[in-house]
């Protein structure tokens, strides 16, 4: 469960980072 949540958080961070670049 923790690993899945961690992956989700990492994906969200990447998404926000990509959004920030654009």
N, C-alpha and C. Protein backbone atom coordinates (compact mmCIF):
# COMPACT_ATOMS: atom_id res chain seq x y z
N UNK A 1 0.84 -1.20 0.00
CA UNK A 1 0.00 0.00 0.00
C UNK A 1 0.88 1.25 0.00
N UNK A 2 1.92 1.23 0.82
CA UNK A 2 2.80 2.40 0.91
C UNK A 2 3.53 2.64 -0.42
N UNK A 3 3.95 1.54 -1.04
CA UNK A 3 4.69 1.66 -2.30
C UNK A 3 3.78 2.28 -3.37
N UNK A 4 2.55 1.80 -3.42
CA UNK A 4 1.60 2.32 -4.40
C UNK A 4 1.35 3.82 -4.17
N UNK A 5 1.21 4.18 -2.89
CA UNK A 5 0.97 5.58 -2.54
C UNK A 5 2.20 6.42 -2.91
N UNK A 6 3.37 5.84 -2.71
CA UNK A 6 4.62 6.55 -3.02
C UNK A 6 4.72 6.79 -4.52
N UNK A 7 4.39 5.78 -5.31
CA UNK A 7 4.43 5.91 -6.77
C UNK A 7 3.45 6.97 -7.23
N UNK A 8 2.27 6.97 -6.60
CA UNK A 8 1.24 7.94 -6.97
C UNK A 8 1.73 9.35 -6.66
N UNK A 9 2.39 9.51 -5.51
CA UNK A 9 2.89 10.83 -5.11
C UNK A 9 3.99 11.27 -6.07
N UNK A 10 4.85 10.34 -6.45
CA UNK A 10 5.95 10.65 -7.37
C UNK A 10 5.38 11.07 -8.72
N UNK A 11 4.35 10.34 -9.17
CA UNK A 11 3.73 10.65 -10.45
C UNK A 11 3.10 12.04 -10.39
N UNK A 12 2.45 12.35 -9.27
CA UNK A 12 1.81 13.66 -9.09
C UNK A 12 2.86 14.76 -9.10
N UNK A 13 4.01 14.49 -8.47
CA UNK A 13 5.09 15.48 -8.42
C UNK A 13 5.61 15.75 -9.83
N UNK A 14 5.79 14.68 -10.60
CA UNK A 14 6.28 14.83 -11.97
C UNK A 14 5.27 15.62 -12.80
N UNK A 15 3.98 15.32 -12.58
CA UNK A 15 2.92 16.00 -13.31
C UNK A 15 2.94 17.50 -13.00
N UNK A 16 3.06 17.83 -11.72
CA UNK A 16 3.09 19.24 -11.32
C UNK A 16 4.35 19.91 -11.86
N UNK A 17 5.46 19.18 -11.86
CA UNK A 17 6.72 19.74 -12.35
C UNK A 17 6.60 20.03 -13.84
N UNK A 18 6.00 19.10 -14.58
CA UNK A 18 5.81 19.28 -16.02
C UNK A 18 4.89 20.47 -16.27
N UNK A 19 3.88 20.60 -15.40
CA UNK A 19 2.94 21.71 -15.53
C UNK A 19 3.66 23.03 -15.29
N UNK A 20 4.60 23.01 -14.34
CA UNK A 20 5.34 24.22 -14.01
C UNK A 20 6.25 24.65 -15.16
N UNK A 21 6.84 23.66 -15.84
CA UNK A 21 7.73 23.98 -16.96
C UNK A 21 6.92 24.63 -18.08
N UNK A 22 5.77 24.05 -18.37
CA UNK A 22 4.93 24.57 -19.44
C UNK A 22 4.20 25.81 -18.93
